[in-house]
Amino acid sequence: MSTTDTTQTRAPVRILVDPTSERAPASKPRQPRLATLAGKTVGLLDISKARGDLFLDRLEARLRETGADVKRFKKPTFTKPAPVDLRHEIAVECDAVVEALAD
C-alpha cells in the first residue's frame, strides 16, 4: 500500500507502508523430526485448492505403507487461514501434519 504526500510544492513523494508492522518478527524453534512414522498419526490438511486432494490421496497410501495412521482434514477455503478449532483438532490428534498446496 502506498500514499502520496502532496503537502509541499515539490514533486509528490511515495511512502510505502508495511501492513505487518513487525518490529521484531516472531521466531519459533522447529519441532524435532519423528524417528519413525510407524504407529504415529499423520494429519493431511487439504487447503481446498484444485487437485490438492489428489496429492494427498497418493501421500496417504505411501504413509499407510510405512505404518502411519492417517487422518484427513480440510479447510473451508484456501483464501483464509484454517479456523482455530480445526488447527486445535489437528494439534491434539496428530503427531505430524502435511499441508497440501497444489493447483
N, C-alpha and C. Protein backbone atom coordinates (compact mmCIF):
# COMPACT_ATOMS: atom_id res chain seq x y z
N MET A 1 0.85 -1.15 0.00
CA MET A 1 0.00 0.00 0.00
C MET A 1 0.91 1.22 0.00
N SER A 2 0.51 2.26 -0.68
CA SER A 2 1.30 3.49 -0.67
C SER A 2 0.37 4.68 -0.56
N THR A 3 0.92 5.77 -0.07
CA THR A 3 0.19 7.03 0.00
C THR A 3 1.04 8.09 -0.66
N THR A 4 0.42 9.16 -1.08
CA THR A 4 1.17 10.23 -1.72
C THR A 4 1.10 11.47 -0.87
N ASP A 5 2.26 12.07 -0.58
CA ASP A 5 2.35 13.28 0.21
C ASP A 5 2.39 14.47 -0.74
N THR A 6 1.32 15.26 -0.76
CA THR A 6 1.26 16.42 -1.66
C THR A 6 1.17 17.73 -0.89
N THR A 7 1.61 17.75 0.37
CA THR A 7 1.50 18.95 1.19
C THR A 7 2.53 20.00 0.83
N GLN A 8 3.55 19.65 0.09
CA GLN A 8 4.58 20.62 -0.30
C GLN A 8 4.49 20.87 -1.80
N THR A 9 5.19 21.88 -2.27
CA THR A 9 5.10 22.26 -3.68
C THR A 9 5.98 21.41 -4.58
N ARG A 10 6.90 20.67 -4.04
CA ARG A 10 7.75 19.83 -4.88
C ARG A 10 7.00 18.59 -5.35
N ALA A 11 7.65 17.78 -6.14
CA ALA A 11 7.02 16.58 -6.70
C ALA A 11 6.52 15.67 -5.59
N PRO A 12 5.41 14.96 -5.84
CA PRO A 12 4.87 14.04 -4.82
C PRO A 12 5.89 12.97 -4.41
N VAL A 13 5.87 12.59 -3.15
CA VAL A 13 6.74 11.56 -2.61
C VAL A 13 5.88 10.37 -2.22
N ARG A 14 6.28 9.21 -2.64
CA ARG A 14 5.53 8.00 -2.27
C ARG A 14 6.12 7.42 -1.00
N ILE A 15 5.24 7.06 -0.07
CA ILE A 15 5.64 6.45 1.20
C ILE A 15 5.06 5.05 1.22
N LEU A 16 5.93 4.04 1.33
CA LEU A 16 5.47 2.66 1.41
C LEU A 16 5.17 2.31 2.85
N VAL A 17 4.05 1.64 3.04
CA VAL A 17 3.61 1.26 4.38
C VAL A 17 3.57 -0.25 4.47
N ASP A 18 4.23 -0.82 5.48
CA ASP A 18 4.23 -2.26 5.71
C ASP A 18 3.05 -2.61 6.60
N PRO A 19 2.06 -3.36 6.09
CA PRO A 19 0.86 -3.66 6.89
C PRO A 19 1.11 -4.62 8.06
N THR A 20 2.24 -5.32 8.06
CA THR A 20 2.50 -6.26 9.15
C THR A 20 3.01 -5.59 10.40
N SER A 21 3.73 -4.51 10.25
CA SER A 21 4.25 -3.74 11.37
C SER A 21 5.01 -4.60 12.38
N GLU A 22 5.77 -5.54 11.89
CA GLU A 22 6.57 -6.38 12.78
C GLU A 22 7.93 -5.73 13.01
N ARG A 23 8.14 -5.25 14.19
CA ARG A 23 9.43 -4.64 14.51
C ARG A 23 10.47 -5.74 14.76
N ALA A 24 10.05 -6.82 15.37
CA ALA A 24 10.90 -7.99 15.59
C ALA A 24 10.07 -9.22 15.26
N PRO A 25 10.26 -9.81 14.07
CA PRO A 25 9.45 -10.97 13.69
C PRO A 25 9.54 -12.10 14.72
N ALA A 26 8.40 -12.73 14.97
CA ALA A 26 8.36 -13.84 15.91
C ALA A 26 9.15 -15.02 15.35
N SER A 27 9.85 -15.72 16.21
CA SER A 27 10.63 -16.87 15.80
C SER A 27 10.30 -18.03 16.73
N LYS A 28 10.02 -19.18 16.13
CA LYS A 28 9.73 -20.38 16.92
C LYS A 28 10.71 -21.46 16.50
N PRO A 29 11.26 -22.19 17.47
CA PRO A 29 12.16 -23.29 17.11
C PRO A 29 11.36 -24.42 16.44
N ARG A 30 12.00 -25.11 15.51
CA ARG A 30 11.36 -26.25 14.86
C ARG A 30 11.24 -27.40 15.83
N GLN A 31 10.17 -28.16 15.67
CA GLN A 31 9.99 -29.38 16.45
C GLN A 31 10.96 -30.43 15.93
N PRO A 32 11.44 -31.31 16.80
CA PRO A 32 12.34 -32.37 16.32
C PRO A 32 11.59 -33.33 15.39
N ARG A 33 12.31 -33.86 14.42
CA ARG A 33 11.71 -34.83 13.50
C ARG A 33 11.35 -36.11 14.25
N LEU A 34 10.30 -36.77 13.79
CA LEU A 34 9.93 -38.06 14.35
C LEU A 34 10.95 -39.10 13.88
N ALA A 35 11.35 -39.98 14.76
CA ALA A 35 12.31 -41.02 14.39
C ALA A 35 11.71 -41.99 13.38
N THR A 36 10.42 -42.22 13.49
CA THR A 36 9.70 -43.12 12.58
C THR A 36 8.26 -42.66 12.48
N LEU A 37 7.61 -43.03 11.39
CA LEU A 37 6.19 -42.72 11.24
C LEU A 37 5.32 -43.91 11.66
N ALA A 38 5.94 -45.07 11.83
CA ALA A 38 5.20 -46.26 12.24
C ALA A 38 4.51 -46.01 13.57
N GLY A 39 3.21 -46.23 13.60
CA GLY A 39 2.44 -46.05 14.83
C GLY A 39 2.11 -44.60 15.15
N LYS A 40 2.54 -43.68 14.33
CA LYS A 40 2.26 -42.26 14.55
C LYS A 40 1.04 -41.83 13.75
N THR A 41 0.38 -40.78 14.20
CA THR A 41 -0.76 -40.23 13.49
C THR A 41 -0.30 -39.01 12.69
N VAL A 42 -0.50 -39.09 11.38
CA VAL A 42 -0.11 -38.00 10.48
C VAL A 42 -1.39 -37.36 9.94
N GLY A 43 -1.53 -36.08 10.16
CA GLY A 43 -2.67 -35.35 9.63
C GLY A 43 -2.36 -34.82 8.26
N LEU A 44 -3.30 -34.95 7.34
CA LEU A 44 -3.16 -34.42 5.99
C LEU A 44 -4.18 -33.30 5.84
N LEU A 45 -3.70 -32.08 5.68
CA LEU A 45 -4.57 -30.92 5.59
C LEU A 45 -4.72 -30.47 4.14
N ASP A 46 -5.92 -30.61 3.63
CA ASP A 46 -6.26 -30.15 2.28
C ASP A 46 -6.70 -28.70 2.42
N ILE A 47 -6.00 -27.78 1.74
CA ILE A 47 -6.34 -26.37 1.90
C ILE A 47 -7.42 -25.93 0.91
N SER A 48 -8.02 -26.86 0.22
CA SER A 48 -9.14 -26.61 -0.71
C SER A 48 -8.70 -25.97 -2.02
N LYS A 49 -7.48 -26.22 -2.45
CA LYS A 49 -7.04 -25.77 -3.78
C LYS A 49 -7.20 -26.94 -4.74
N ALA A 50 -7.31 -26.60 -6.00
CA ALA A 50 -7.53 -27.61 -7.03
C ALA A 50 -6.44 -28.68 -7.01
N ARG A 51 -6.85 -29.92 -7.03
CA ARG A 51 -6.00 -31.11 -7.10
C ARG A 51 -5.17 -31.40 -5.86
N GLY A 52 -5.35 -30.63 -4.80
CA GLY A 52 -4.64 -30.93 -3.56
C GLY A 52 -5.04 -32.29 -3.02
N ASP A 53 -6.32 -32.65 -3.21
CA ASP A 53 -6.80 -33.94 -2.73
C ASP A 53 -6.12 -35.10 -3.46
N LEU A 54 -5.79 -34.92 -4.74
CA LEU A 54 -5.11 -35.98 -5.49
C LEU A 54 -3.72 -36.25 -4.92
N PHE A 55 -3.02 -35.18 -4.62
CA PHE A 55 -1.70 -35.31 -3.99
C PHE A 55 -1.82 -36.03 -2.65
N LEU A 56 -2.80 -35.61 -1.84
CA LEU A 56 -2.96 -36.21 -0.52
C LEU A 56 -3.40 -37.67 -0.60
N ASP A 57 -4.18 -38.03 -1.60
CA ASP A 57 -4.58 -39.44 -1.76
C ASP A 57 -3.35 -40.32 -1.94
N ARG A 58 -2.43 -39.88 -2.78
CA ARG A 58 -1.21 -40.67 -3.04
C ARG A 58 -0.30 -40.67 -1.82
N LEU A 59 -0.20 -39.53 -1.16
CA LEU A 59 0.63 -39.44 0.04
C LEU A 59 0.06 -40.32 1.15
N GLU A 60 -1.25 -40.33 1.29
CA GLU A 60 -1.88 -41.18 2.31
C GLU A 60 -1.53 -42.65 2.09
N ALA A 61 -1.59 -43.10 0.85
CA ALA A 61 -1.25 -44.50 0.55
C ALA A 61 0.19 -44.81 0.95
N ARG A 62 1.10 -43.90 0.62
CA ARG A 62 2.52 -44.11 0.96
C ARG A 62 2.73 -44.11 2.48
N LEU A 63 2.07 -43.19 3.17
CA LEU A 63 2.21 -43.12 4.63
C LEU A 63 1.69 -44.39 5.30
N ARG A 64 0.56 -44.89 4.81
CA ARG A 64 -0.01 -46.13 5.39
C ARG A 64 0.95 -47.30 5.18
N GLU A 65 1.67 -47.30 4.07
CA GLU A 65 2.67 -48.36 3.82
C GLU A 65 3.78 -48.35 4.88
N THR A 66 4.07 -47.18 5.44
CA THR A 66 5.11 -47.08 6.48
C THR A 66 4.58 -47.40 7.87
N GLY A 67 3.27 -47.66 7.96
CA GLY A 67 2.69 -47.99 9.26
C GLY A 67 2.09 -46.81 9.99
N ALA A 68 1.98 -45.68 9.31
CA ALA A 68 1.39 -44.49 9.94
C ALA A 68 -0.13 -44.58 9.88
N ASP A 69 -0.76 -44.02 10.91
CA ASP A 69 -2.21 -43.82 10.90
C ASP A 69 -2.42 -42.44 10.28
N VAL A 70 -3.39 -42.31 9.38
CA VAL A 70 -3.58 -41.05 8.67
C VAL A 70 -4.97 -40.50 8.95
N LYS A 71 -5.02 -39.21 9.26
CA LYS A 71 -6.30 -38.51 9.44
C LYS A 71 -6.34 -37.38 8.43
N ARG A 72 -7.50 -37.21 7.79
CA ARG A 72 -7.66 -36.16 6.77
C ARG A 72 -8.45 -34.99 7.35
N PHE A 73 -8.02 -33.80 6.97
CA PHE A 73 -8.67 -32.56 7.38
C PHE A 73 -8.78 -31.68 6.14
N LYS A 74 -9.76 -30.76 6.15
CA LYS A 74 -9.92 -29.86 5.00
C LYS A 74 -10.33 -28.48 5.47
N LYS A 75 -9.63 -27.48 4.98
CA LYS A 75 -10.00 -26.09 5.25
C LYS A 75 -11.24 -25.75 4.43
N PRO A 76 -12.10 -24.86 4.96
CA PRO A 76 -13.28 -24.48 4.19
C PRO A 76 -12.94 -23.71 2.91
N THR A 77 -11.85 -22.95 2.92
CA THR A 77 -11.42 -22.18 1.76
C THR A 77 -9.93 -21.92 1.83
N PHE A 78 -9.28 -21.84 0.67
CA PHE A 78 -7.84 -21.58 0.67
C PHE A 78 -7.53 -20.10 0.86
N THR A 79 -8.52 -19.25 0.80
CA THR A 79 -8.27 -17.81 0.87
C THR A 79 -8.10 -17.27 2.29
N LYS A 80 -8.37 -18.09 3.28
CA LYS A 80 -8.26 -17.66 4.67
C LYS A 80 -7.48 -18.70 5.48
N PRO A 81 -6.90 -18.29 6.60
CA PRO A 81 -6.24 -19.27 7.48
C PRO A 81 -7.23 -20.33 7.97
N ALA A 82 -6.71 -21.47 8.34
CA ALA A 82 -7.56 -22.52 8.90
C ALA A 82 -8.22 -22.01 10.18
N PRO A 83 -9.49 -22.35 10.38
CA PRO A 83 -10.18 -21.92 11.61
C PRO A 83 -9.45 -22.45 12.85
N VAL A 84 -9.57 -21.72 13.93
CA VAL A 84 -8.89 -22.07 15.18
C VAL A 84 -9.27 -23.47 15.64
N ASP A 85 -10.55 -23.82 15.56
CA ASP A 85 -10.97 -25.15 16.03
C ASP A 85 -10.35 -26.26 15.18
N LEU A 86 -10.18 -26.03 13.90
CA LEU A 86 -9.54 -27.03 13.03
C LEU A 86 -8.06 -27.17 13.38
N ARG A 87 -7.37 -26.06 13.59
CA ARG A 87 -5.96 -26.10 13.98
C ARG A 87 -5.78 -26.81 15.32
N HIS A 88 -6.70 -26.56 16.24
CA HIS A 88 -6.63 -27.21 17.55
C HIS A 88 -6.84 -28.72 17.41
N GLU A 89 -7.83 -29.11 16.61
CA GLU A 89 -8.10 -30.53 16.39
C GLU A 89 -6.88 -31.25 15.82
N ILE A 90 -6.23 -30.63 14.85
CA ILE A 90 -5.03 -31.22 14.25
C ILE A 90 -3.91 -31.32 15.28
N ALA A 91 -3.71 -30.27 16.06
CA ALA A 91 -2.63 -30.26 17.06
C ALA A 91 -2.84 -31.33 18.13
N VAL A 92 -4.08 -31.55 18.52
CA VAL A 92 -4.38 -32.51 19.58
C VAL A 92 -4.31 -33.96 19.07
N GLU A 93 -4.76 -34.18 17.85
CA GLU A 93 -4.91 -35.55 17.35
C GLU A 93 -3.72 -36.09 16.55
N CYS A 94 -2.80 -35.22 16.15
CA CYS A 94 -1.75 -35.67 15.22
C CYS A 94 -0.35 -35.48 15.78
N ASP A 95 0.54 -36.40 15.40
CA ASP A 95 1.95 -36.29 15.75
C ASP A 95 2.70 -35.45 14.72
N ALA A 96 2.18 -35.41 13.49
CA ALA A 96 2.79 -34.64 12.41
C ALA A 96 1.67 -34.24 11.45
N VAL A 97 1.94 -33.23 10.64
CA VAL A 97 0.93 -32.78 9.67
C VAL A 97 1.62 -32.39 8.36
N VAL A 98 0.91 -32.66 7.25
CA VAL A 98 1.34 -32.26 5.93
C VAL A 98 0.23 -31.39 5.37
N GLU A 99 0.61 -30.20 4.92
CA GLU A 99 -0.36 -29.28 4.32
C GLU A 99 -0.18 -29.33 2.81
N ALA A 100 -1.24 -29.65 2.08
CA ALA A 100 -1.16 -29.81 0.63
C ALA A 100 -1.38 -28.49 -0.08
N LEU A 101 -0.41 -28.12 -0.90
CA LEU A 101 -0.51 -26.94 -1.76
C LEU A 101 -0.41 -27.42 -3.19
N ALA A 102 -1.46 -27.25 -3.96
CA ALA A 102 -1.45 -27.72 -5.35
C ALA A 102 -2.38 -26.87 -6.18
N ASP A 103 -2.19 -26.92 -7.46
CA ASP A 103 -3.08 -26.26 -8.44
C ASP A 103 -3.10 -27.10 -9.69
